[in-house]
Amino acid sequence: MRRDELDTVLDWAAAEGWNPGLEDADAFYRADPDGFFIAEVDGAPAAAIS
């Protein structure tokens, strides 16, 4: 997953009632940039896991 895609995933989390912190994306990605995966359908993000 690219760093910019992580922002989309955290937006999904917020829409589902999770409370991602304002600086969480940078901290998470710096800790393990290879630990995030995104699935696409027809080129659009559809699911994610870390």
PDB file of N, CA and C in Angstrom:
ATOM      1  N   MET A   1       0.850  -1.165   0.000  1.00  0.00           N
ATOM      2  CA  MET A   1       0.000   0.000   0.000  1.00  0.00           C
ATOM      3  C   MET A   1       0.898   1.231   0.000  1.00  0.00           C
ATOM      4  N   ARG A   2       0.563   2.164  -0.854  1.00  0.00           N
ATOM      5  CA  ARG A   2       1.280   3.443  -0.853  1.00  0.00           C
ATOM      6  C   ARG A   2       0.819   4.280   0.349  1.00  0.00           C
ATOM      7  N   ARG A   3       1.654   5.213   0.745  1.00  0.00           N
ATOM      8  CA  ARG A   3       1.336   6.066   1.896  1.00  0.00           C
ATOM      9  C   ARG A   3       0.032   6.827   1.682  1.00  0.00           C
ATOM     10  N   ASP A   4      -0.201   7.347   0.470  1.00  0.00           N
ATOM     11  CA  ASP A   4      -1.422   8.116   0.222  1.00  0.00           C
ATOM     12  C   ASP A   4      -2.672   7.234   0.308  1.00  0.00           C
ATOM     13  N   GLU A   5      -2.534   5.948   0.011  1.00  0.00           N
ATOM     14  CA  GLU A   5      -3.672   5.037   0.131  1.00  0.00           C
ATOM     15  C   GLU A   5      -4.041   4.807   1.599  1.00  0.00           C
ATOM     16  N   LEU A   6      -3.057   4.894   2.479  1.00  0.00           N
ATOM     17  CA  LEU A   6      -3.340   4.736   3.903  1.00  0.00           C
ATOM     18  C   LEU A   6      -4.294   5.819   4.390  1.00  0.00           C
ATOM     19  N   ASP A   7      -4.182   7.023   3.872  1.00  0.00           N
ATOM     20  CA  ASP A   7      -5.121   8.088   4.238  1.00  0.00           C
ATOM     21  C   ASP A   7      -6.550   7.690   3.883  1.00  0.00           C
ATOM     22  N   THR A   8      -6.735   7.087   2.719  1.00  0.00           N
ATOM     23  CA  THR A   8      -8.063   6.622   2.308  1.00  0.00           C
ATOM     24  C   THR A   8      -8.580   5.573   3.282  1.00  0.00           C
ATOM     25  N   VAL A   9      -7.719   4.635   3.647  1.00  0.00           N
ATOM     26  CA  VAL A   9      -8.116   3.567   4.572  1.00  0.00           C
ATOM     27  C   VAL A   9      -8.493   4.147   5.936  1.00  0.00           C
ATOM     28  N   LEU A  10      -7.747   5.117   6.425  1.00  0.00           N
ATOM     29  CA  LEU A  10      -8.090   5.729   7.707  1.00  0.00           C
ATOM     30  C   LEU A  10      -9.374   6.537   7.607  1.00  0.00           C
ATOM     31  N   ASP A  11      -9.664   7.104   6.448  1.00  0.00           N
ATOM     32  CA  ASP A  11     -10.963   7.757   6.235  1.00  0.00           C
ATOM     33  C   ASP A  11     -12.089   6.734   6.330  1.00  0.00           C
ATOM     34  N   TRP A  12     -11.875   5.547   5.751  1.00  0.00           N
ATOM     35  CA  TRP A  12     -12.872   4.472   5.868  1.00  0.00           C
ATOM     36  C   TRP A  12     -13.092   4.126   7.337  1.00  0.00           C
ATOM     37  N   ALA A  13     -12.001   4.001   8.088  1.00  0.00           N
ATOM     38  CA  ALA A  13     -12.099   3.648   9.507  1.00  0.00           C
ATOM     39  C   ALA A  13     -12.898   4.702  10.273  1.00  0.00           C
ATOM     40  N   ALA A  14     -12.625   5.962  10.022  1.00  0.00           N
ATOM     41  CA  ALA A  14     -13.357   7.039  10.691  1.00  0.00           C
ATOM     42  C   ALA A  14     -14.843   6.988  10.346  1.00  0.00           C
ATOM     43  N   ALA A  15     -15.161   6.690   9.093  1.00  0.00           N
ATOM     44  CA  ALA A  15     -16.566   6.603   8.668  1.00  0.00           C
ATOM     45  C   ALA A  15     -17.297   5.451   9.359  1.00  0.00           C
ATOM     46  N   GLU A  16     -16.548   4.443   9.803  1.00  0.00           N
ATOM     47  CA  GLU A  16     -17.138   3.292  10.497  1.00  0.00           C
ATOM     48  C   GLU A  16     -17.168   3.485  12.016  1.00  0.00           C
ATOM     49  N   GLY A  17     -16.792   4.679  12.474  1.00  0.00           N
ATOM     50  CA  GLY A  17     -16.866   4.969  13.896  1.00  0.00           C
ATOM     51  C   GLY A  17     -15.568   4.777  14.669  1.00  0.00           C
ATOM     52  N   TRP A  18     -14.501   4.377  13.985  1.00  0.00           N
ATOM     53  CA  TRP A  18     -13.198   4.291  14.634  1.00  0.00           C
ATOM     54  C   TRP A  18     -12.678   5.710  14.836  1.00  0.00           C
ATOM     55  N   ASN A  19     -11.680   5.866  15.657  1.00  0.00           N
ATOM     56  CA  ASN A  19     -11.164   7.192  15.958  1.00  0.00           C
ATOM     57  C   ASN A  19      -9.663   7.267  15.681  1.00  0.00           C
ATOM     58  N   PRO A  20      -9.272   7.225  14.394  1.00  0.00           N
ATOM     59  CA  PRO A  20      -7.838   7.338  14.102  1.00  0.00           C
ATOM     60  C   PRO A  20      -7.331   8.729  14.487  1.00  0.00           C
ATOM     61  N   GLY A  21      -6.168   8.769  15.102  1.00  0.00           N
ATOM     62  CA  GLY A  21      -5.585  10.043  15.498  1.00  0.00           C
ATOM     63  C   GLY A  21      -5.107  10.840  14.295  1.00  0.00           C
ATOM     64  N   LEU A  22      -4.957  12.117  14.481  1.00  0.00           N
ATOM     65  CA  LEU A  22      -4.565  12.999  13.382  1.00  0.00           C
ATOM     66  C   LEU A  22      -3.191  12.664  12.819  1.00  0.00           C
ATOM     67  N   GLU A  23      -2.299  12.156  13.631  1.00  0.00           N
ATOM     68  CA  GLU A  23      -0.940  11.839  13.192  1.00  0.00           C
ATOM     69  C   GLU A  23      -0.695  10.336  13.076  1.00  0.00           C
ATOM     70  N   ASP A  24      -1.725   9.520  13.240  1.00  0.00           N
ATOM     71  CA  ASP A  24      -1.548   8.066  13.242  1.00  0.00           C
ATOM     72  C   ASP A  24      -0.993   7.529  11.931  1.00  0.00           C
ATOM     73  N   ALA A  25      -1.459   8.017  10.813  1.00  0.00           N
ATOM     74  CA  ALA A  25      -1.039   7.473   9.516  1.00  0.00           C
ATOM     75  C   ALA A  25       0.480   7.538   9.365  1.00  0.00           C
ATOM     76  N   ASP A  26       1.067   8.676   9.655  1.00  0.00           N
ATOM     77  CA  ASP A  26       2.521   8.812   9.519  1.00  0.00           C
ATOM     78  C   ASP A  26       3.258   7.875  10.468  1.00  0.00           C
ATOM     79  N   ALA A  27       2.802   7.807  11.717  1.00  0.00           N
ATOM     80  CA  ALA A  27       3.468   6.955  12.704  1.00  0.00           C
ATOM     81  C   ALA A  27       3.362   5.484  12.317  1.00  0.00           C
ATOM     82  N   PHE A  28       2.178   5.040  11.922  1.00  0.00           N
ATOM     83  CA  PHE A  28       1.985   3.643  11.530  1.00  0.00           C
ATOM     84  C   PHE A  28       2.849   3.295  10.323  1.00  0.00           C
ATOM     85  N   TYR A  29       2.831   4.157   9.325  1.00  0.00           N
ATOM     86  CA  TYR A  29       3.551   3.866   8.086  1.00  0.00           C
ATOM     87  C   TYR A  29       5.060   3.860   8.309  1.00  0.00           C
ATOM     88  N   ARG A  30       5.548   4.789   9.111  1.00  0.00           N
ATOM     89  CA  ARG A  30       6.983   4.812   9.420  1.00  0.00           C
ATOM     90  C   ARG A  30       7.403   3.561  10.180  1.00  0.00           C
ATOM     91  N   ALA A  31       6.532   3.068  11.054  1.00  0.00           N
ATOM     92  CA  ALA A  31       6.867   1.889  11.854  1.00  0.00           C
ATOM     93  C   ALA A  31       7.020   0.638  10.996  1.00  0.00           C
ATOM     94  N   ASP A  32       6.181   0.493   9.958  1.00  0.00           N
ATOM     95  CA  ASP A  32       6.245  -0.713   9.119  1.00  0.00           C
ATOM     96  C   ASP A  32       5.632  -0.438   7.749  1.00  0.00           C
ATOM     97  N   PRO A  33       6.362   0.213   6.854  1.00  0.00           N
ATOM     98  CA  PRO A  33       5.798   0.570   5.551  1.00  0.00           C
ATOM     99  C   PRO A  33       5.421  -0.631   4.689  1.00  0.00           C
ATOM    100  N   ASP A  34       5.949  -1.811   5.015  1.00  0.00           N
ATOM    101  CA  ASP A  34       5.604  -3.010   4.244  1.00  0.00           C
ATOM    102  C   ASP A  34       4.489  -3.820   4.897  1.00  0.00           C
ATOM    103  N   GLY A  35       3.882  -3.290   5.942  1.00  0.00           N
ATOM    104  CA  GLY A  35       2.870  -4.031   6.679  1.00  0.00           C
ATOM    105  C   GLY A  35       1.439  -3.673   6.331  1.00  0.00           C
ATOM    106  N   PHE A  36       1.237  -2.981   5.225  1.00  0.00           N
ATOM    107  CA  PHE A  36      -0.103  -2.545   4.830  1.00  0.00           C
ATOM    108  C   PHE A  36      -0.410  -3.067   3.435  1.00  0.00           C
ATOM    109  N   PHE A  37      -1.614  -3.606   3.278  1.00  0.00           N
ATOM    110  CA  PHE A  37      -2.004  -4.203   2.000  1.00  0.00           C
ATOM    111  C   PHE A  37      -3.381  -3.691   1.609  1.00  0.00           C
ATOM    112  N   ILE A  38      -3.562  -3.436   0.322  1.00  0.00           N
ATOM    113  CA  ILE A  38      -4.842  -2.941  -0.170  1.00  0.00           C
ATOM    114  C   ILE A  38      -5.286  -3.804  -1.346  1.00  0.00           C
ATOM    115  N   ALA A  39      -6.574  -4.097  -1.388  1.00  0.00           N
ATOM    116  CA  ALA A  39      -7.161  -4.846  -2.503  1.00  0.00           C
ATOM    117  C   ALA A  39      -7.898  -3.857  -3.393  1.00  0.00           C
ATOM    118  N   GLU A  40      -7.815  -4.085  -4.684  1.00  0.00           N
ATOM    119  CA  GLU A  40      -8.477  -3.203  -5.642  1.00  0.00           C
ATOM    120  C   GLU A  40      -9.463  -3.991  -6.487  1.00  0.00           C
ATOM    121  N   VAL A  41     -10.534  -3.329  -6.876  1.00  0.00           N
ATOM    122  CA  VAL A  41     -11.500  -3.867  -7.828  1.00  0.00           C
ATOM    123  C   VAL A  41     -11.585  -2.855  -8.961  1.00  0.00           C
ATOM    124  N   ASP A  42     -11.273  -3.295 -10.145  1.00  0.00           N
ATOM    125  CA  ASP A  42     -11.262  -2.408 -11.318  1.00  0.00           C
ATOM    126  C   ASP A  42     -10.407  -1.165 -11.079  1.00  0.00           C
ATOM    127  N   GLY A  43      -9.286  -1.348 -10.380  1.00  0.00           N
ATOM    128  CA  GLY A  43      -8.354  -0.254 -10.157  1.00  0.00           C
ATOM    129  C   GLY A  43      -8.693   0.673  -9.004  1.00  0.00           C
ATOM    130  N   ALA A  44      -9.805   0.423  -8.318  1.00  0.00           N
ATOM    131  CA  ALA A  44     -10.208   1.272  -7.192  1.00  0.00           C
ATOM    132  C   ALA A  44     -10.018   0.510  -5.878  1.00  0.00           C
ATOM    133  N   PRO A  45      -9.553   1.186  -4.824  1.00  0.00           N
ATOM    134  CA  PRO A  45      -9.384   0.510  -3.544  1.00  0.00           C
ATOM    135  C   PRO A  45     -10.713  -0.043  -3.038  1.00  0.00           C
ATOM    136  N   ALA A  46     -10.682  -1.300  -2.538  1.00  0.00           N
ATOM    137  CA  ALA A  46     -11.913  -1.945  -2.092  1.00  0.00           C
ATOM    138  C   ALA A  46     -11.804  -2.526  -0.681  1.00  0.00           C
ATOM    139  N   ALA A  47     -10.605  -2.857  -0.234  1.00  0.00           N
ATOM    140  CA  ALA A  47     -10.411  -3.445   1.092  1.00  0.00           C
ATOM    141  C   ALA A  47      -8.962  -3.251   1.502  1.00  0.00           C
ATOM    142  N   ALA A  48      -8.719  -3.334   2.806  1.00  0.00           N
ATOM    143  CA  ALA A  48      -7.351  -3.168   3.299  1.00  0.00           C
ATOM    144  C   ALA A  48      -7.156  -3.984   4.565  1.00  0.00           C
ATOM    145  N   ILE A  49      -5.888  -4.313   4.815  1.00  0.00           N
ATOM    146  CA  ILE A  49      -5.507  -5.021   6.033  1.00  0.00           C
ATOM    147  C   ILE A  49      -4.078  -4.613   6.385  1.00  0.00           C
ATOM    148  N   SER A  50      -3.791  -4.665   7.674  1.00  0.00           N
ATOM    149  CA  SER A  50      -2.416  -4.397   8.105  1.00  0.00           C
ATOM    150  C   SER A  50      -2.034  -5.371   9.188  1.00  0.00           C
TER     151      SER A  50
END
